[in-house]
Amino acid sequence: MELAFLAGMSVPYLSDLESGHSSPSLVTVVDLPRGLEALPSLMLSDLLIDSIRESPRGKRIRD
């Protein structure tokens, strides 16, 4: 409850994020670590992104 307050979001929304029922916006990805007095980059530092993905038309594109 305190994290939701510090990050400026509702408790139900934070609960939905934690349970995977909702996907965070970029603003939320920045606000959550700030609520913990941490840098947003720390939240993303271990994130692995596949460098090849498919476009909406089904063509493979490289990042």
C-alpha atoms as a PDB file:
ATOM      1  CA  MET A   1       0.000   0.000   0.000  1.00  0.00           C
ATOM      2  CA  GLU A   2       2.818   2.382   0.836  1.00  0.00           C
ATOM      3  CA  LEU A   3       4.625   1.729  -2.487  1.00  0.00           C
ATOM      4  CA  ALA A   4       1.456   2.510  -4.411  1.00  0.00           C
ATOM      5  CA  PHE A   5       1.185   5.816  -2.558  1.00  0.00           C
ATOM      6  CA  LEU A   6       4.866   6.682  -3.046  1.00  0.00           C
ATOM      7  CA  ALA A   7       4.688   5.815  -6.752  1.00  0.00           C
ATOM      8  CA  GLY A   8       1.463   7.788  -7.206  1.00  0.00           C
ATOM      9  CA  MET A   9      -0.779   4.899  -8.244  1.00  0.00           C
ATOM     10  CA  SER A  10      -3.718   3.020  -6.820  1.00  0.00           C
ATOM     11  CA  VAL A  11      -3.316  -0.119  -4.753  1.00  0.00           C
ATOM     12  CA  PRO A  12      -5.539  -2.168  -7.121  1.00  0.00           C
ATOM     13  CA  TYR A  13      -3.414  -1.103 -10.118  1.00  0.00           C
ATOM     14  CA  LEU A  14      -0.177  -2.042  -8.337  1.00  0.00           C
ATOM     15  CA  SER A  15      -1.737  -5.381  -7.417  1.00  0.00           C
ATOM     16  CA  ASP A  16      -2.658  -5.960 -11.076  1.00  0.00           C
ATOM     17  CA  LEU A  17       0.931  -5.213 -12.083  1.00  0.00           C
ATOM     18  CA  GLU A  18       2.319  -7.609  -9.492  1.00  0.00           C
ATOM     19  CA  SER A  19      -0.006 -10.414 -10.563  1.00  0.00           C
ATOM     20  CA  GLY A  20       0.589  -9.874 -14.286  1.00  0.00           C
ATOM     21  CA  HIS A  21      -3.004  -8.825 -14.989  1.00  0.00           C
ATOM     22  CA  SER A  22      -1.862  -5.424 -16.240  1.00  0.00           C
ATOM     23  CA  SER A  23       1.152  -4.193 -18.199  1.00  0.00           C
ATOM     24  CA  PRO A  24       2.892  -1.037 -17.014  1.00  0.00           C
ATOM     25  CA  SER A  25       3.259   2.056 -19.148  1.00  0.00           C
ATOM     26  CA  LEU A  26       6.651   3.699 -19.496  1.00  0.00           C
ATOM     27  CA  VAL A  27       5.548   6.292 -16.953  1.00  0.00           C
ATOM     28  CA  THR A  28       4.788   3.499 -14.471  1.00  0.00           C
ATOM     29  CA  VAL A  29       8.168   1.870 -15.140  1.00  0.00           C
ATOM     30  CA  VAL A  30       9.753   5.194 -14.163  1.00  0.00           C
ATOM     31  CA  ASP A  31       7.445   5.952 -11.207  1.00  0.00           C
ATOM     32  CA  LEU A  32       7.776   2.594  -9.408  1.00  0.00           C
ATOM     33  CA  PRO A  33      11.520   2.750  -8.728  1.00  0.00           C
ATOM     34  CA  ARG A  34      11.234   6.431  -7.848  1.00  0.00           C
ATOM     35  CA  GLY A  35       8.732   5.413  -5.176  1.00  0.00           C
ATOM     36  CA  LEU A  36      11.491   3.198  -3.801  1.00  0.00           C
ATOM     37  CA  GLU A  37      14.052   6.024  -4.126  1.00  0.00           C
ATOM     38  CA  ALA A  38      15.890   4.016  -6.792  1.00  0.00           C
ATOM     39  CA  LEU A  39      16.898   4.783 -10.344  1.00  0.00           C
ATOM     40  CA  PRO A  40      14.515   3.582 -13.061  1.00  0.00           C
ATOM     41  CA  SER A  41      17.513   2.140 -14.932  1.00  0.00           C
ATOM     42  CA  LEU A  42      18.014  -0.367 -12.086  1.00  0.00           C
ATOM     43  CA  MET A  43      14.596  -1.831 -12.785  1.00  0.00           C
ATOM     44  CA  LEU A  44      15.572  -2.467 -16.398  1.00  0.00           C
ATOM     45  CA  SER A  45      19.234  -3.413 -15.980  1.00  0.00           C
ATOM     46  CA  ASP A  46      18.679  -7.187 -16.166  1.00  0.00           C
ATOM     47  CA  LEU A  47      16.072  -7.043 -18.916  1.00  0.00           C
ATOM     48  CA  LEU A  48      16.929  -9.121 -21.970  1.00  0.00           C
ATOM     49  CA  ILE A  49      15.287  -8.168 -25.240  1.00  0.00           C
ATOM     50  CA  ASP A  50      15.339 -10.442 -28.249  1.00  0.00           C
ATOM     51  CA  SER A  51      17.079  -8.502 -31.009  1.00  0.00           C
ATOM     52  CA  ILE A  52      14.902 -10.063 -33.728  1.00  0.00           C
ATOM     53  CA  ARG A  53      11.159  -9.553 -33.605  1.00  0.00           C
ATOM     54  CA  GLU A  54       8.282  -9.682 -36.047  1.00  0.00           C
ATOM     55  CA  SER A  55       6.594  -6.634 -37.474  1.00  0.00           C
ATOM     56  CA  PRO A  56       2.796  -6.376 -37.538  1.00  0.00           C
ATOM     57  CA  ARG A  57       2.903  -7.669 -41.132  1.00  0.00           C
ATOM     58  CA  GLY A  58       4.778 -10.814 -40.124  1.00  0.00           C
ATOM     59  CA  LYS A  59       8.151  -9.731 -41.532  1.00  0.00           C
ATOM     60  CA  ARG A  60      11.164 -10.228 -39.313  1.00  0.00           C
ATOM     61  CA  ILE A  61      12.973  -7.028 -38.430  1.00  0.00           C
ATOM     62  CA  ARG A  62      16.272  -6.549 -36.642  1.00  0.00           C
ATOM     63  CA  ASP A  63      16.691  -3.936 -33.925  1.00  0.00           C
END
